[in-house]
C-alpha atoms as a PDB file:
ATOM      1  CA  MET A   1       6.495   8.083 -10.954  1.00  0.00           C
ATOM      2  CA  THR A   2       8.025   5.010 -12.548  1.00  0.00           C
ATOM      3  CA  GLN A   3       6.631   1.674 -11.617  1.00  0.00           C
ATOM      4  CA  GLU A   4       8.755  -1.398 -11.398  1.00  0.00           C
ATOM      5  CA  PRO A   5       7.628  -4.358 -13.477  1.00  0.00           C
ATOM      6  CA  ARG A   6       5.192  -6.646 -11.755  1.00  0.00           C
ATOM      7  CA  ARG A   7       6.551  -9.949 -10.581  1.00  0.00           C
ATOM      8  CA  VAL A   8       5.378 -12.866 -12.632  1.00  0.00           C
ATOM      9  CA  ARG A   9       3.351 -15.327 -10.643  1.00  0.00           C
ATOM     10  CA  ARG A  10       3.788 -19.042 -11.034  1.00  0.00           C
ATOM     11  CA  THR A  11       1.132 -20.709 -13.118  1.00  0.00           C
ATOM     12  CA  VAL A  12       2.012 -24.152 -11.779  1.00  0.00           C
ATOM     13  CA  LYS A  13       1.611 -25.283  -8.194  1.00  0.00           C
ATOM     14  CA  ALA A  14       4.594 -26.336  -6.114  1.00  0.00           C
ATOM     15  CA  ARG A  15       3.186 -29.877  -5.846  1.00  0.00           C
ATOM     16  CA  GLU A  16       3.083 -30.211  -9.649  1.00  0.00           C
ATOM     17  CA  LEU A  17       6.682 -29.003 -10.016  1.00  0.00           C
ATOM     18  CA  ALA A  18       7.829 -31.306  -7.202  1.00  0.00           C
ATOM     19  CA  ASP A  19       6.253 -34.304  -8.930  1.00  0.00           C
ATOM     20  CA  ARG A  20       7.733 -33.310 -12.286  1.00  0.00           C
ATOM     21  CA  PHE A  21      11.291 -32.927 -10.956  1.00  0.00           C
ATOM     22  CA  GLY A  22      11.219 -35.590  -8.251  1.00  0.00           C
ATOM     23  CA  VAL A  23      11.842 -33.231  -5.320  1.00  0.00           C
ATOM     24  CA  THR A  24       9.821 -32.072  -2.342  1.00  0.00           C
ATOM     25  CA  THR A  25       7.452 -29.104  -2.402  1.00  0.00           C
ATOM     26  CA  ARG A  26       9.680 -27.430   0.158  1.00  0.00           C
ATOM     27  CA  THR A  27      12.611 -27.620  -2.271  1.00  0.00           C
ATOM     28  CA  VAL A  28      10.505 -26.048  -5.008  1.00  0.00           C
ATOM     29  CA  ARG A  29       9.338 -23.217  -2.757  1.00  0.00           C
ATOM     30  CA  SER A  30      12.815 -22.408  -1.493  1.00  0.00           C
ATOM     31  CA  THR A  31      14.229 -22.523  -5.031  1.00  0.00           C
ATOM     32  CA  VAL A  32      11.721 -20.152  -6.587  1.00  0.00           C
ATOM     33  CA  ALA A  33      11.220 -17.904  -3.561  1.00  0.00           C
ATOM     34  CA  GLU A  34      12.330 -14.295  -3.637  1.00  0.00           C
ATOM     35  CA  GLU A  35      15.278 -13.486  -1.371  1.00  0.00           C
ATOM     36  CA  ARG A  36      14.181 -12.031   1.963  1.00  0.00           C
ATOM     37  CA  ALA A  37      16.265  -8.849   1.612  1.00  0.00           C
ATOM     38  CA  VAL A  38      14.816  -8.191  -1.841  1.00  0.00           C
ATOM     39  CA  TYR A  39      11.276  -8.741  -0.575  1.00  0.00           C
ATOM     40  CA  GLU A  40      11.787  -6.451   2.427  1.00  0.00           C
ATOM     41  CA  ALA A  41      13.268  -3.679   0.272  1.00  0.00           C
ATOM     42  CA  ARG A  42      10.357  -3.909  -2.179  1.00  0.00           C
ATOM     43  CA  SER A  43       7.861  -3.961   0.690  1.00  0.00           C
ATOM     44  CA  ARG A  44       9.467  -0.926   2.351  1.00  0.00           C
ATOM     45  CA  GLN A  45       9.407   0.965  -0.955  1.00  0.00           C
ATOM     46  CA  ARG A  46       5.718   0.156  -1.478  1.00  0.00           C
ATOM     47  CA  ARG A  47       4.897   1.241   2.088  1.00  0.00           C
ATOM     48  CA  ASP A  48       6.688   4.559   1.518  1.00  0.00           C
ATOM     49  CA  GLN A  49       4.803   5.062  -1.762  1.00  0.00           C
ATOM     50  CA  ILE A  50       1.464   4.399  -0.048  1.00  0.00           C
ATOM     51  CA  VAL A  51       2.221   6.944   2.691  1.00  0.00           C
ATOM     52  CA  GLU A  52       3.410   9.537   0.157  1.00  0.00           C
ATOM     53  CA  LEU A  53       0.326   9.164  -2.051  1.00  0.00           C
ATOM     54  CA  HIS A  54      -1.888   9.411   1.046  1.00  0.00           C
ATOM     55  CA  ARG A  55      -0.141  12.649   2.007  1.00  0.00           C
ATOM     56  CA  GLN A  56      -0.807  13.981  -1.497  1.00  0.00           C
ATOM     57  CA  GLY A  57      -4.520  13.543  -0.842  1.00  0.00           C
ATOM     58  CA  LEU A  58      -5.350  10.335  -2.714  1.00  0.00           C
ATOM     59  CA  LYS A  59      -8.003   8.062  -1.267  1.00  0.00           C
ATOM     60  CA  GLY A  60      -7.255   4.442  -0.416  1.00  0.00           C
ATOM     61  CA  TYR A  61      -8.862   2.968  -3.517  1.00  0.00           C
ATOM     62  CA  GLU A  62      -7.036   5.509  -5.710  1.00  0.00           C
ATOM     63  CA  ILE A  63      -3.716   4.535  -4.145  1.00  0.00           C
ATOM     64  CA  ALA A  64      -4.549   0.859  -4.677  1.00  0.00           C
ATOM     65  CA  ARG A  65      -5.321   1.471  -8.337  1.00  0.00           C
ATOM     66  CA  GLU A  66      -2.147   3.546  -8.813  1.00  0.00           C
ATOM     67  CA  LEU A  67       0.129   0.894  -7.280  1.00  0.00           C
ATOM     68  CA  SER A  68      -1.773  -2.176  -8.552  1.00  0.00           C
ATOM     69  CA  VAL A  69      -2.388  -3.513  -5.051  1.00  0.00           C
ATOM     70  CA  SER A  70      -5.560  -4.250  -3.114  1.00  0.00           C
ATOM     71  CA  ALA A  71      -7.403  -1.553  -1.182  1.00  0.00           C
ATOM     72  CA  GLY A  72      -7.110  -3.773   1.892  1.00  0.00           C
ATOM     73  CA  LEU A  73      -3.316  -3.705   1.661  1.00  0.00           C
ATOM     74  CA  VAL A  74      -3.361   0.089   1.453  1.00  0.00           C
ATOM     75  CA  SER A  75      -5.630   0.291   4.486  1.00  0.00           C
ATOM     76  CA  THR A  76      -3.440  -2.114   6.450  1.00  0.00           C
ATOM     77  CA  ARG A  77      -0.219  -0.256   5.622  1.00  0.00           C
ATOM     78  CA  LEU A  78      -1.727   3.111   6.583  1.00  0.00           C
ATOM     79  CA  LYS A  79      -3.012   1.656   9.858  1.00  0.00           C
ATOM     80  CA  GLU A  80       0.458   0.232  10.602  1.00  0.00           C
ATOM     81  CA  ALA A  81       2.050   3.586   9.775  1.00  0.00           C
ATOM     82  CA  ARG A  82      -0.332   5.398  12.144  1.00  0.00           C
ATOM     83  CA  SER A  83       0.403   2.981  14.988  1.00  0.00           C
ATOM     84  CA  ALA A  84       4.158   3.363  14.323  1.00  0.00           C
ATOM     85  CA  GLY A  85       3.805   7.130  14.739  1.00  0.00           C
ATOM     86  CA  VAL A  86       4.335   8.122  11.105  1.00  0.00           C
ATOM     87  CA  ASP A  87       2.945  11.580  10.321  1.00  0.00           C
ATOM     88  CA  LEU A  88       0.152  11.055   7.783  1.00  0.00           C
ATOM     89  CA  THR A  89      -0.895  14.695   7.540  1.00  0.00           C
ATOM     90  CA  ARG A  90      -1.984  15.478   4.021  1.00  0.00           C
ATOM     91  CA  TYR A  91      -0.061  18.246   2.292  1.00  0.00           C
ATOM     92  CA  ALA A  92      -3.297  19.951   1.254  1.00  0.00           C
ATOM     93  CA  ASP A  93      -4.470  20.070   4.881  1.00  0.00           C
ATOM     94  CA  THR A  94      -1.518  21.976   6.309  1.00  0.00           C
ATOM     95  CA  GLY A  95      -2.460  25.548   6.999  1.00  0.00           C
ATOM     96  CA  GLU A  96      -5.953  25.261   5.549  1.00  0.00           C
ATOM     97  CA  ARG A  97      -7.494  23.599   8.569  1.00  0.00           C
ATOM     98  CA  ASP A  98      -7.671  26.795  10.597  1.00  0.00           C
ATOM     99  CA  ALA A  99      -9.398  28.693   7.782  1.00  0.00           C
ATOM    100  CA  ALA A 100     -12.145  26.107   7.265  1.00  0.00           C
ATOM    101  CA  PRO A 101     -15.213  26.184   9.525  1.00  0.00           C
ATOM    102  CA  SER A 102     -15.215  23.365  12.042  1.00  0.00           C
ATOM    103  CA  ALA A 103     -17.482  20.435  11.305  1.00  0.00           C
ATOM    104  CA  GLY A 104     -19.302  20.716  14.617  1.00  0.00           C
ATOM    105  CA  LYS A 105     -20.484  24.314  14.166  1.00  0.00           C
ATOM    106  CA  LYS A 106     -23.385  25.254  11.952  1.00  0.00           C
ATOM    107  CA  ARG A 107     -22.874  28.155   9.657  1.00  0.00           C
ATOM    108  CA  ASN A 108     -25.436  30.920   9.865  1.00  0.00           C
ATOM    109  CA  ARG A 109     -27.188  31.121   6.514  1.00  0.00           C
ATOM    110  CA  SER A 110     -29.782  33.779   6.698  1.00  0.00           C
ATOM    111  CA  ARG A 111     -32.133  34.231   3.787  1.00  0.00           C
ATOM    112  CA  ALA A 112     -33.202  37.675   2.812  1.00  0.00           C
END
């Protein structure tokens, strides 16, 4: 899986740039802000990646490490996907669930 380059964060605050260039902070923010369509496309792609990695069996913190995002973001996106009705069944779980003993039943382990 290829990862897109990380966006470079500003190292200077909007107030400092506004003072330097003689404009308002609002002008600075709107000038350097990412276009809404670009942001939404990137966000949608990340959400799809999170769901796909979850289906492959990765845990939340593993997904976060893989995508260089916080574990909280992963948790939030999965929760939103569940409430939106997205199927989050893990690929490894399909078909194997019936063969595994249920968690509520104790297995009989007799010692000889």
